[in-house]
PDB file of all heavy atoms in Angstrom:
ATOM      1  N   LEU A   1       6.219  -1.117  -1.928  1.00  0.00           N
ATOM      2  CA  LEU A   1       6.373   0.152  -2.730  1.00  0.00           C
ATOM      3  C   LEU A   1       7.730   0.876  -2.405  1.00  0.00           C
ATOM      4  O   LEU A   1       8.134   0.975  -1.236  1.00  0.00           O
ATOM      5  CB  LEU A   1       5.227   1.152  -2.460  1.00  0.00           C
ATOM      6  CG  LEU A   1       3.849   0.584  -2.655  1.00  0.00           C
ATOM      7  CD1 LEU A   1       2.902   1.759  -2.602  1.00  0.00           C
ATOM      8  CD2 LEU A   1       3.684  -0.069  -3.991  1.00  0.00           C
ATOM      9  N   VAL A   2       8.423   1.300  -3.493  1.00  0.00           N
ATOM     10  CA  VAL A   2       9.622   2.041  -3.230  1.00  0.00           C
ATOM     11  C   VAL A   2       9.459   3.357  -4.000  1.00  0.00           C
ATOM     12  O   VAL A   2       9.103   3.348  -5.178  1.00  0.00           O
ATOM     13  CB  VAL A   2      10.903   1.223  -3.705  1.00  0.00           C
ATOM     14  CG1 VAL A   2      10.815   0.801  -5.103  1.00  0.00           C
ATOM     15  CG2 VAL A   2      12.146   2.104  -3.417  1.00  0.00           C
ATOM     16  N   ILE A   3       9.744   4.486  -3.357  1.00  0.00           N
ATOM     17  CA  ILE A   3       9.538   5.812  -4.007  1.00  0.00           C
ATOM     18  C   ILE A   3      10.765   6.635  -3.661  1.00  0.00           C
ATOM     19  O   ILE A   3      11.183   6.805  -2.561  1.00  0.00           O
ATOM     20  CB  ILE A   3       8.277   6.404  -3.401  1.00  0.00           C
ATOM     21  CG1 ILE A   3       7.097   5.555  -3.767  1.00  0.00           C
ATOM     22  CG2 ILE A   3       8.089   7.874  -3.968  1.00  0.00           C
ATOM     23  CD1 ILE A   3       5.807   5.915  -2.902  1.00  0.00           C
ATOM     24  N   ALA A   4      11.241   7.302  -4.723  1.00  0.00           N
ATOM     25  CA  ALA A   4      12.382   8.319  -4.497  1.00  0.00           C
ATOM     26  C   ALA A   4      11.817   9.608  -4.990  1.00  0.00           C
ATOM     27  O   ALA A   4      11.247   9.726  -6.094  1.00  0.00           O
ATOM     28  CB  ALA A   4      13.598   7.876  -5.406  1.00  0.00           C
ATOM     29  N   GLY A   5      12.053  10.673  -4.235  1.00  0.00           N
ATOM     30  CA  GLY A   5      11.547  11.984  -4.628  1.00  0.00           C
ATOM     31  C   GLY A   5      12.274  13.142  -4.033  1.00  0.00           C
ATOM     32  O   GLY A   5      13.031  13.064  -3.158  1.00  0.00           O
ATOM     33  N   THR A   6      11.884  14.280  -4.624  1.00  0.00           N
ATOM     34  CA  THR A   6      12.463  15.518  -4.128  1.00  0.00           C
ATOM     35  C   THR A   6      11.619  16.234  -3.049  1.00  0.00           C
ATOM     36  O   THR A   6      12.092  17.159  -2.418  1.00  0.00           O
ATOM     37  CB  THR A   6      12.535  16.536  -5.265  1.00  0.00           C
ATOM     38  OG1 THR A   6      11.269  16.844  -5.839  1.00  0.00           O
ATOM     39  CG2 THR A   6      13.479  15.955  -6.421  1.00  0.00           C
ATOM     40  N   ASN A   7      10.433  15.717  -2.757  1.00  0.00           N
ATOM     41  CA  ASN A   7       9.528  16.340  -1.824  1.00  0.00           C
ATOM     42  C   ASN A   7       8.475  15.295  -1.247  1.00  0.00           C
ATOM     43  O   ASN A   7       8.105  14.372  -1.985  1.00  0.00           O
ATOM     44  CB  ASN A   7       8.892  17.639  -2.281  1.00  0.00           C
ATOM     45  CG  ASN A   7       7.982  17.306  -3.449  1.00  0.00           C
ATOM     46  OD1 ASN A   7       6.724  16.981  -3.177  1.00  0.00           O
ATOM     47  ND2 ASN A   7       8.357  17.414  -4.695  1.00  0.00           N
ATOM     48  N   ASP A   8       8.037  15.492  -0.112  1.00  0.00           N
ATOM     49  CA  ASP A   8       7.066  14.584   0.517  1.00  0.00           C
ATOM     50  C   ASP A   8       5.705  14.492  -0.272  1.00  0.00           C
ATOM     51  O   ASP A   8       4.999  13.497  -0.342  1.00  0.00           O
ATOM     52  CB  ASP A   8       6.786  14.881   2.011  1.00  0.00           C
ATOM     53  CG  ASP A   8       8.099  14.651   2.796  1.00  0.00           C
ATOM     54  OD1 ASP A   8       9.038  14.104   2.271  1.00  0.00           O
ATOM     55  OD2 ASP A   8       8.101  15.059   4.026  1.00  0.00           O
ATOM     56  N   ARG A   9       5.313  15.729  -0.678  1.00  0.00           N
ATOM     57  CA  ARG A   9       3.961  15.783  -1.299  1.00  0.00           C
ATOM     58  C   ARG A   9       3.901  14.818  -2.622  1.00  0.00           C
ATOM     59  O   ARG A   9       2.986  14.127  -2.731  1.00  0.00           O
ATOM     60  CB  ARG A   9       3.640  17.265  -1.764  1.00  0.00           C
ATOM     61  CG  ARG A   9       2.277  17.392  -2.508  1.00  0.00           C
ATOM     62  CD  ARG A   9       2.158  18.711  -3.077  1.00  0.00           C
ATOM     63  NE  ARG A   9       1.047  18.869  -3.942  1.00  0.00           N
ATOM     64  CZ  ARG A   9       0.872  19.827  -4.876  1.00  0.00           C
ATOM     65  NH1 ARG A   9       1.772  20.799  -5.082  1.00  0.00           N
ATOM     66  NH2 ARG A   9      -0.246  19.919  -5.616  1.00  0.00           N
ATOM     67  N   ASP A  10       4.885  14.943  -3.444  1.00  0.00           N
ATOM     68  CA  ASP A  10       5.015  14.120  -4.607  1.00  0.00           C
ATOM     69  C   ASP A  10       5.079  12.622  -4.316  1.00  0.00           C
ATOM     70  O   ASP A  10       4.525  11.799  -4.969  1.00  0.00           O
ATOM     71  CB  ASP A  10       6.032  14.566  -5.555  1.00  0.00           C
ATOM     72  CG  ASP A  10       5.624  15.840  -6.304  1.00  0.00           C
ATOM     73  OD1 ASP A  10       4.426  16.336  -6.289  1.00  0.00           O
ATOM     74  OD2 ASP A  10       6.530  16.610  -6.851  1.00  0.00           O
ATOM     75  N   MET A  11       5.918  12.422  -3.334  1.00  0.00           N
ATOM     76  CA  MET A  11       6.041  10.948  -2.880  1.00  0.00           C
ATOM     77  C   MET A  11       4.744  10.382  -2.343  1.00  0.00           C
ATOM     78  O   MET A  11       4.335   9.206  -2.755  1.00  0.00           O
ATOM     79  CB  MET A  11       7.136  10.833  -1.857  1.00  0.00           C
ATOM     80  CG  MET A  11       8.485  11.252  -2.240  1.00  0.00           C
ATOM     81  SD  MET A  11       9.718  11.252  -1.053  1.00  0.00           S
ATOM     82  CE  MET A  11      10.065   9.500  -0.706  1.00  0.00           C
ATOM     83  N   PHE A  12       3.924  11.046  -1.616  1.00  0.00           N
ATOM     84  CA  PHE A  12       2.705  10.642  -1.125  1.00  0.00           C
ATOM     85  C   PHE A  12       1.798  10.467  -2.337  1.00  0.00           C
ATOM     86  O   PHE A  12       1.086   9.412  -2.389  1.00  0.00           O
ATOM     87  CB  PHE A  12       2.163  11.650  -0.203  1.00  0.00           C
ATOM     88  CG  PHE A  12       0.651  11.311   0.198  1.00  0.00           C
ATOM     89  CD1 PHE A  12       0.418  10.164   0.944  1.00  0.00           C
ATOM     90  CD2 PHE A  12      -0.299  12.280  -0.010  1.00  0.00           C
ATOM     91  CE1 PHE A  12      -0.947   9.861   1.290  1.00  0.00           C
ATOM     92  CE2 PHE A  12      -1.665  11.952   0.367  1.00  0.00           C
ATOM     93  CZ  PHE A  12      -1.948  10.785   1.048  1.00  0.00           C
ATOM     94  N   ALA A  13       1.682  11.412  -3.203  1.00  0.00           N
ATOM     95  CA  ALA A  13       0.957  11.213  -4.443  1.00  0.00           C
ATOM     96  C   ALA A  13       1.312  10.024  -5.250  1.00  0.00           C
ATOM     97  O   ALA A  13       0.446   9.376  -5.898  1.00  0.00           O
ATOM     98  CB  ALA A  13       1.007  12.521  -5.380  1.00  0.00           C
ATOM     99  N   ALA A  14       2.612   9.721  -5.362  1.00  0.00           N
ATOM    100  CA  ALA A  14       3.078   8.641  -6.155  1.00  0.00           C
ATOM    101  C   ALA A  14       2.469   7.266  -5.484  1.00  0.00           C
ATOM    102  O   ALA A  14       2.059   6.389  -6.117  1.00  0.00           O
ATOM    103  CB  ALA A  14       4.558   8.586  -6.243  1.00  0.00           C
ATOM    104  N   ALA A  15       2.532   7.195  -4.116  1.00  0.00           N
ATOM    105  CA  ALA A  15       2.074   6.091  -3.382  1.00  0.00           C
ATOM    106  C   ALA A  15       0.599   5.833  -3.664  1.00  0.00           C
ATOM    107  O   ALA A  15       0.153   4.712  -3.878  1.00  0.00           O
ATOM    108  CB  ALA A  15       2.312   6.150  -1.889  1.00  0.00           C
ATOM    109  N   LYS A  16      -0.195   6.892  -3.633  1.00  0.00           N
ATOM    110  CA  LYS A  16      -1.642   6.774  -3.860  1.00  0.00           C
ATOM    111  C   LYS A  16      -1.936   6.382  -5.342  1.00  0.00           C
ATOM    112  O   LYS A  16      -2.941   5.652  -5.545  1.00  0.00           O
ATOM    113  CB  LYS A  16      -2.316   8.012  -3.400  1.00  0.00           C
ATOM    114  CG  LYS A  16      -2.236   8.525  -1.871  1.00  0.00           C
ATOM    115  CD  LYS A  16      -2.660   7.379  -1.003  1.00  0.00           C
ATOM    116  CE  LYS A  16      -4.298   7.219  -1.081  1.00  0.00           C
ATOM    117  NZ  LYS A  16      -4.805   6.213  -0.165  1.00  0.00           N
ATOM    118  N   ALA A  17      -1.210   6.883  -6.197  1.00  0.00           N
ATOM    119  CA  ALA A  17      -1.309   6.529  -7.610  1.00  0.00           C
ATOM    120  C   ALA A  17      -1.088   5.010  -7.813  1.00  0.00           C
ATOM    121  O   ALA A  17      -1.793   4.331  -8.644  1.00  0.00           O
ATOM    122  CB  ALA A  17      -0.401   7.331  -8.485  1.00  0.00           C
ATOM    123  N   LEU A  18      -0.025   4.482  -7.194  1.00  0.00           N
ATOM    124  CA  LEU A  18       0.333   3.082  -7.396  1.00  0.00           C
ATOM    125  C   LEU A  18      -0.727   2.193  -6.795  1.00  0.00           C
ATOM    126  O   LEU A  18      -1.174   1.157  -7.344  1.00  0.00           O
ATOM    127  CB  LEU A  18       1.666   2.755  -6.699  1.00  0.00           C
ATOM    128  CG  LEU A  18       2.882   3.340  -7.307  1.00  0.00           C
ATOM    129  CD1 LEU A  18       4.110   3.187  -6.428  1.00  0.00           C
ATOM    130  CD2 LEU A  18       3.163   2.652  -8.766  1.00  0.00           C
ATOM    131  N   GLU A  19      -1.374   2.653  -5.651  1.00  0.00           N
ATOM    132  CA  GLU A  19      -2.430   1.907  -4.977  1.00  0.00           C
ATOM    133  C   GLU A  19      -3.585   1.939  -5.979  1.00  0.00           C
ATOM    134  O   GLU A  19      -4.268   0.854  -6.131  1.00  0.00           O
ATOM    135  CB  GLU A  19      -2.783   2.581  -3.676  1.00  0.00           C
ATOM    136  CG  GLU A  19      -3.924   1.870  -2.920  1.00  0.00           C
ATOM    137  CD  GLU A  19      -4.344   2.587  -1.679  1.00  0.00           C
ATOM    138  OE1 GLU A  19      -4.366   3.860  -1.640  1.00  0.00           O
ATOM    139  OE2 GLU A  19      -4.666   1.905  -0.702  1.00  0.00           O
ATOM    140  N   ALA A  20      -3.954   3.032  -6.567  1.00  0.00           N
ATOM    141  CA  ALA A  20      -5.142   3.106  -7.391  1.00  0.00           C
ATOM    142  C   ALA A  20      -5.016   2.167  -8.662  1.00  0.00           C
ATOM    143  O   ALA A  20      -6.056   1.673  -9.059  1.00  0.00           O
ATOM    144  CB  ALA A  20      -5.349   4.647  -7.755  1.00  0.00           C
ATOM    145  N   MET A  21      -3.862   2.103  -9.121  1.00  0.00           N
ATOM    146  CA  MET A  21      -3.757   1.398 -10.537  1.00  0.00           C
ATOM    147  C   MET A  21      -3.299  -0.055 -10.242  1.00  0.00           C
ATOM    148  O   MET A  21      -2.996  -0.748 -11.285  1.00  0.00           O
ATOM    149  CB  MET A  21      -2.885   2.080 -11.447  1.00  0.00           C
ATOM    150  CG  MET A  21      -1.403   2.196 -11.062  1.00  0.00           C
ATOM    151  SD  MET A  21      -0.540   3.203 -12.302  1.00  0.00           S
ATOM    152  CE  MET A  21       1.162   3.015 -11.827  1.00  0.00           C
ATOM    153  N   GLY A  22      -3.229  -0.524  -8.954  1.00  0.00           N
ATOM    154  CA  GLY A  22      -2.891  -1.998  -8.821  1.00  0.00           C
ATOM    155  C   GLY A  22      -1.392  -2.236  -8.921  1.00  0.00           C
ATOM    156  O   GLY A  22      -1.034  -3.440  -9.135  1.00  0.00           O
ATOM    157  N   GLY A  23      -0.586  -1.185  -8.897  1.00  0.00           N
ATOM    158  CA  GLY A  23       0.853  -1.395  -9.063  1.00  0.00           C
ATOM    159  C   GLY A  23       1.353  -1.006 -10.420  1.00  0.00           C
ATOM    160  O   GLY A  23       0.658  -0.745 -11.361  1.00  0.00           O
ATOM    161  N   GLY A  24       2.758  -0.910 -10.397  1.00  0.00           N
ATOM    162  CA  GLY A  24       3.445  -0.441 -11.665  1.00  0.00           C
ATOM    163  C   GLY A  24       4.497   0.597 -11.390  1.00  0.00           C
ATOM    164  O   GLY A  24       5.107   0.635 -10.219  1.00  0.00           O
ATOM    165  N   PHE A  25       4.655   1.499 -12.220  1.00  0.00           N
ATOM    166  CA  PHE A  25       5.557   2.576 -12.041  1.00  0.00           C
ATOM    167  C   PHE A  25       4.828   3.963 -12.319  1.00  0.00           C
ATOM    168  O   PHE A  25       3.858   3.943 -13.149  1.00  0.00           O
ATOM    169  CB  PHE A  25       6.734   2.550 -13.131  1.00  0.00           C
ATOM    170  CG  PHE A  25       7.415   1.274 -13.170  1.00  0.00           C
ATOM    171  CD1 PHE A  25       7.487   0.521 -14.293  1.00  0.00           C
ATOM    172  CD2 PHE A  25       8.107   0.760 -11.975  1.00  0.00           C
ATOM    173  CE1 PHE A  25       8.315  -0.657 -14.317  1.00  0.00           C
ATOM    174  CE2 PHE A  25       8.802  -0.344 -12.045  1.00  0.00           C
ATOM    175  CZ  PHE A  25       8.894  -1.162 -13.121  1.00  0.00           C
ATOM    176  N   VAL A  26       5.223   5.033 -11.620  1.00  0.00           N
ATOM    177  CA  VAL A  26       4.544   6.274 -11.805  1.00  0.00           C
ATOM    178  C   VAL A  26       5.555   7.395 -11.529  1.00  0.00           C
ATOM    179  O   VAL A  26       6.488   7.254 -10.743  1.00  0.00           O
ATOM    180  CB  VAL A  26       3.365   6.412 -10.810  1.00  0.00           C
ATOM    181  CG1 VAL A  26       3.941   6.474  -9.382  1.00  0.00           C
ATOM    182  CG2 VAL A  26       2.529   7.617 -11.176  1.00  0.00           C
ATOM    183  N   PHE A  27       5.444   8.532 -12.278  1.00  0.00           N
ATOM    184  CA  PHE A  27       6.214   9.719 -12.151  1.00  0.00           C
ATOM    185  C   PHE A  27       5.290  10.846 -11.858  1.00  0.00           C
ATOM    186  O   PHE A  27       4.304  11.151 -12.605  1.00  0.00           O
ATOM    187  CB  PHE A  27       7.138   9.905 -13.281  1.00  0.00           C
ATOM    188  CG  PHE A  27       8.225  11.086 -13.064  1.00  0.00           C
ATOM    189  CD1 PHE A  27       9.260  10.712 -12.478  1.00  0.00           C
ATOM    190  CD2 PHE A  27       7.945  12.345 -13.518  1.00  0.00           C
ATOM    191  CE1 PHE A  27      10.158  11.712 -12.117  1.00  0.00           C
ATOM    192  CE2 PHE A  27       8.832  13.359 -13.195  1.00  0.00           C
ATOM    193  CZ  PHE A  27       9.974  13.061 -12.604  1.00  0.00           C
ATOM    194  N   VAL A  28       5.492  11.529 -10.708  1.00  0.00           N
ATOM    195  CA  VAL A  28       4.672  12.607 -10.267  1.00  0.00           C
ATOM    196  C   VAL A  28       5.452  13.888 -10.075  1.00  0.00           C
ATOM    197  O   VAL A  28       6.537  13.844  -9.557  1.00  0.00           O
ATOM    198  CB  VAL A  28       4.001  12.194  -8.972  1.00  0.00           C
ATOM    199  CG1 VAL A  28       3.156  13.363  -8.319  1.00  0.00           C
ATOM    200  CG2 VAL A  28       3.140  11.013  -9.083  1.00  0.00           C
ATOM    201  N   VAL A  29       4.861  14.934 -10.568  1.00  0.00           N
ATOM    202  CA  VAL A  29       5.333  16.308 -10.380  1.00  0.00           C
ATOM    203  C   VAL A  29       4.275  17.282  -9.954  1.00  0.00           C
ATOM    204  O   VAL A  29       3.252  17.267 -10.540  1.00  0.00           O
ATOM    205  CB  VAL A  29       6.120  16.878 -11.653  1.00  0.00           C
ATOM    206  CG1 VAL A  29       6.638  18.285 -11.372  1.00  0.00           C
ATOM    207  CG2 VAL A  29       7.230  15.946 -12.072  1.00  0.00           C
ATOM    208  N   ASP A  30       4.560  18.029  -8.833  1.00  0.00           N
ATOM    209  CA  ASP A  30       3.545  18.938  -8.314  1.00  0.00           C
ATOM    210  C   ASP A  30       2.167  18.256  -8.044  1.00  0.00           C
ATOM    211  O   ASP A  30       1.154  18.861  -8.332  1.00  0.00           O
ATOM    212  CB  ASP A  30       3.339  20.081  -9.203  1.00  0.00           C
ATOM    213  CG  ASP A  30       4.684  20.997  -9.374  1.00  0.00           C
ATOM    214  OD1 ASP A  30       5.417  21.082  -8.384  1.00  0.00           O
ATOM    215  OD2 ASP A  30       4.755  21.599 -10.350  1.00  0.00           O
ATOM    216  N   GLY A  31       2.226  16.987  -7.586  1.00  0.00           N
ATOM    217  CA  GLY A  31       1.031  16.278  -7.235  1.00  0.00           C
ATOM    218  C   GLY A  31       0.366  15.670  -8.405  1.00  0.00           C
ATOM    219  O   GLY A  31      -0.705  15.082  -8.180  1.00  0.00           O
ATOM    220  N   GLU A  32       0.757  15.917  -9.645  1.00  0.00           N
ATOM    221  CA  GLU A  32       0.143  15.436 -10.911  1.00  0.00           C
ATOM    222  C   GLU A  32       0.911  14.207 -11.447  1.00  0.00           C
ATOM    223  O   GLU A  32       2.158  14.282 -11.588  1.00  0.00           O
ATOM    224  CB  GLU A  32      -0.018  16.536 -11.883  1.00  0.00           C
ATOM    225  CG  GLU A  32      -0.937  17.726 -11.438  1.00  0.00           C
ATOM    226  CD  GLU A  32      -1.111  18.675 -12.484  1.00  0.00           C
ATOM    227  OE1 GLU A  32      -0.545  18.499 -13.656  1.00  0.00           O
ATOM    228  OE2 GLU A  32      -1.717  19.787 -12.185  1.00  0.00           O
ATOM    229  N   ILE A  33       0.195  13.210 -11.971  1.00  0.00           N
ATOM    230  CA  ILE A  33       0.850  12.053 -12.630  1.00  0.00           C
ATOM    231  C   ILE A  33       1.334  12.582 -14.058  1.00  0.00           C
ATOM    232  O   ILE A  33       0.445  12.927 -14.849  1.00  0.00           O
ATOM    233  CB  ILE A  33      -0.138  10.880 -12.715  1.00  0.00           C
ATOM    234  CG1 ILE A  33      -0.555  10.405 -11.345  1.00  0.00           C
ATOM    235  CG2 ILE A  33       0.528   9.837 -13.558  1.00  0.00           C
ATOM    236  CD1 ILE A  33      -1.569   9.345 -11.402  1.00  0.00           C
ATOM    237  N   ARG A  34       2.530  12.538 -14.271  1.00  0.00           N
ATOM    238  CA  ARG A  34       3.073  12.931 -15.596  1.00  0.00           C
ATOM    239  C   ARG A  34       3.337  11.664 -16.489  1.00  0.00           C
ATOM    240  O   ARG A  34       3.423  11.844 -17.733  1.00  0.00           O
ATOM    241  CB  ARG A  34       4.423  13.735 -15.390  1.00  0.00           C
ATOM    242  CG  ARG A  34       4.291  14.940 -14.545  1.00  0.00           C
ATOM    243  CD  ARG A  34       3.329  15.916 -15.096  1.00  0.00           C
ATOM    244  NE  ARG A  34       3.063  17.056 -14.265  1.00  0.00           N
ATOM    245  CZ  ARG A  34       3.778  18.227 -14.384  1.00  0.00           C
ATOM    246  NH1 ARG A  34       4.799  18.341 -15.143  1.00  0.00           N
ATOM    247  NH2 ARG A  34       3.508  19.194 -13.482  1.00  0.00           N
ATOM    248  N   ALA A  35       3.529  10.538 -15.922  1.00  0.00           N
ATOM    249  CA  ALA A  35       3.674   9.324 -16.665  1.00  0.00           C
ATOM    250  C   ALA A  35       3.370   8.100 -15.734  1.00  0.00           C
ATOM    251  O   ALA A  35       3.639   8.130 -14.571  1.00  0.00           O
ATOM    252  CB  ALA A  35       5.078   9.196 -17.281  1.00  0.00           C
ATOM    253  N   ALA A  36       2.804   7.052 -16.398  1.00  0.00           N
ATOM    254  CA  ALA A  36       2.392   5.836 -15.534  1.00  0.00           C
ATOM    255  C   ALA A  36       2.576   4.663 -16.383  1.00  0.00           C
ATOM    256  O   ALA A  36       2.281   4.637 -17.607  1.00  0.00           O
ATOM    257  CB  ALA A  36       1.090   6.014 -14.921  1.00  0.00           C
ATOM    258  N   VAL A  37       2.998   3.577 -15.737  1.00  0.00           N
ATOM    259  CA  VAL A  37       3.085   2.225 -16.312  1.00  0.00           C
ATOM    260  C   VAL A  37       2.291   1.223 -15.469  1.00  0.00           C
ATOM    261  O   VAL A  37       2.769   0.632 -14.571  1.00  0.00           O
ATOM    262  CB  VAL A  37       4.460   1.705 -16.618  1.00  0.00           C
ATOM    263  CG1 VAL A  37       4.514   0.346 -17.332  1.00  0.00           C
ATOM    264  CG2 VAL A  37       5.257   2.762 -17.393  1.00  0.00           C
ATOM    265  N   PRO A  38       0.976   0.958 -15.668  1.00  0.00           N
ATOM    266  CA  PRO A  38       0.201   0.013 -14.876  1.00  0.00           C
ATOM    267  C   PRO A  38       0.756  -1.468 -14.933  1.00  0.00           C
ATOM    268  O   PRO A  38       0.980  -1.869 -16.105  1.00  0.00           O
ATOM    269  CB  PRO A  38      -1.193   0.138 -15.419  1.00  0.00           C
ATOM    270  CG  PRO A  38      -1.198   1.447 -16.111  1.00  0.00           C
ATOM    271  CD  PRO A  38       0.089   1.604 -16.675  1.00  0.00           C
ATOM    272  N   LEU A  39       0.915  -2.138 -13.864  1.00  0.00           N
ATOM    273  CA  LEU A  39       1.378  -3.518 -13.869  1.00  0.00           C
ATOM    274  C   LEU A  39       0.444  -4.296 -12.858  1.00  0.00           C
ATOM    275  O   LEU A  39       0.738  -4.608 -11.807  1.00  0.00           O
ATOM    276  CB  LEU A  39       2.811  -3.656 -13.330  1.00  0.00           C
ATOM    277  CG  LEU A  39       3.871  -2.936 -14.141  1.00  0.00           C
ATOM    278  CD1 LEU A  39       5.212  -3.019 -13.528  1.00  0.00           C
ATOM    279  CD2 LEU A  39       4.004  -3.401 -15.667  1.00  0.00           C
ATOM    280  N   PRO A  40      -0.829  -4.432 -13.300  1.00  0.00           N
ATOM    281  CA  PRO A  40      -1.864  -4.923 -12.376  1.00  0.00           C
ATOM    282  C   PRO A  40      -1.755  -6.386 -12.012  1.00  0.00           C
ATOM    283  O   PRO A  40      -2.332  -6.827 -11.117  1.00  0.00           O
ATOM    284  CB  PRO A  40      -3.187  -4.686 -13.296  1.00  0.00           C
ATOM    285  CG  PRO A  40      -2.628  -4.767 -14.657  1.00  0.00           C
ATOM    286  CD  PRO A  40      -1.344  -4.192 -14.595  1.00  0.00           C
ATOM    287  N   LEU A  41      -0.869  -7.233 -12.776  1.00  0.00           N
ATOM    288  CA  LEU A  41      -0.834  -8.664 -12.455  1.00  0.00           C
ATOM    289  C   LEU A  41       0.330  -8.743 -11.292  1.00  0.00           C
ATOM    290  O   LEU A  41       1.484  -8.805 -11.488  1.00  0.00           O
ATOM    291  CB  LEU A  41      -0.314  -9.457 -13.658  1.00  0.00           C
ATOM    292  CG  LEU A  41      -1.222  -9.316 -14.884  1.00  0.00           C
ATOM    293  CD1 LEU A  41      -0.838 -10.227 -16.007  1.00  0.00           C
ATOM    294  CD2 LEU A  41      -2.695  -9.657 -14.609  1.00  0.00           C
ATOM    295  N   GLY A  42      -0.278  -8.795 -10.105  1.00  0.00           N
ATOM    296  CA  GLY A  42       0.676  -8.933  -8.908  1.00  0.00           C
ATOM    297  C   GLY A  42       1.335  -7.686  -8.641  1.00  0.00           C
ATOM    298  O   GLY A  42       2.331  -7.649  -7.805  1.00  0.00           O
ATOM    299  N   GLY A  43       1.069  -6.505  -9.338  1.00  0.00           N
ATOM    300  CA  GLY A  43       1.851  -5.321  -9.168  1.00  0.00           C
ATOM    301  C   GLY A  43       3.194  -5.439  -9.807  1.00  0.00           C
ATOM    302  O   GLY A  43       4.176  -4.652  -9.504  1.00  0.00           O
ATOM    303  N   LEU A  44       3.434  -6.426 -10.739  1.00  0.00           N
ATOM    304  CA  LEU A  44       4.663  -6.743 -11.276  1.00  0.00           C
ATOM    305  C   LEU A  44       4.666  -6.806 -12.816  1.00  0.00           C
ATOM    306  O   LEU A  44       5.667  -6.625 -13.539  1.00  0.00           O
ATOM    307  CB  LEU A  44       5.023  -8.154 -10.768  1.00  0.00           C
ATOM    308  CG  LEU A  44       5.267  -8.290  -9.324  1.00  0.00           C
ATOM    309  CD1 LEU A  44       5.498  -9.771  -8.897  1.00  0.00           C
ATOM    310  CD2 LEU A  44       6.483  -7.485  -8.770  1.00  0.00           C
ATOM    311  N   VAL A  45       3.481  -7.269 -13.343  1.00  0.00           N
ATOM    312  CA  VAL A  45       3.470  -7.624 -14.841  1.00  0.00           C
ATOM    313  C   VAL A  45       2.232  -6.916 -15.515  1.00  0.00           C
ATOM    314  O   VAL A  45       1.198  -6.831 -14.953  1.00  0.00           O
ATOM    315  CB  VAL A  45       3.361  -9.196 -14.928  1.00  0.00           C
ATOM    316  CG1 VAL A  45       2.926  -9.662 -16.404  1.00  0.00           C
ATOM    317  CG2 VAL A  45       4.713  -9.760 -14.555  1.00  0.00           C
TER     318      VAL A  45
END
């Protein structure tokens, strides 16, 4: 997992969101998921 962020809280929330959806992309603000792209096939596809 690779995460870039402005604060630790949102970075932690992004990591947990990626774990829950089996991988993909996620954008988190104030601990809330604002956009997500699930990639459940190997966390890639």
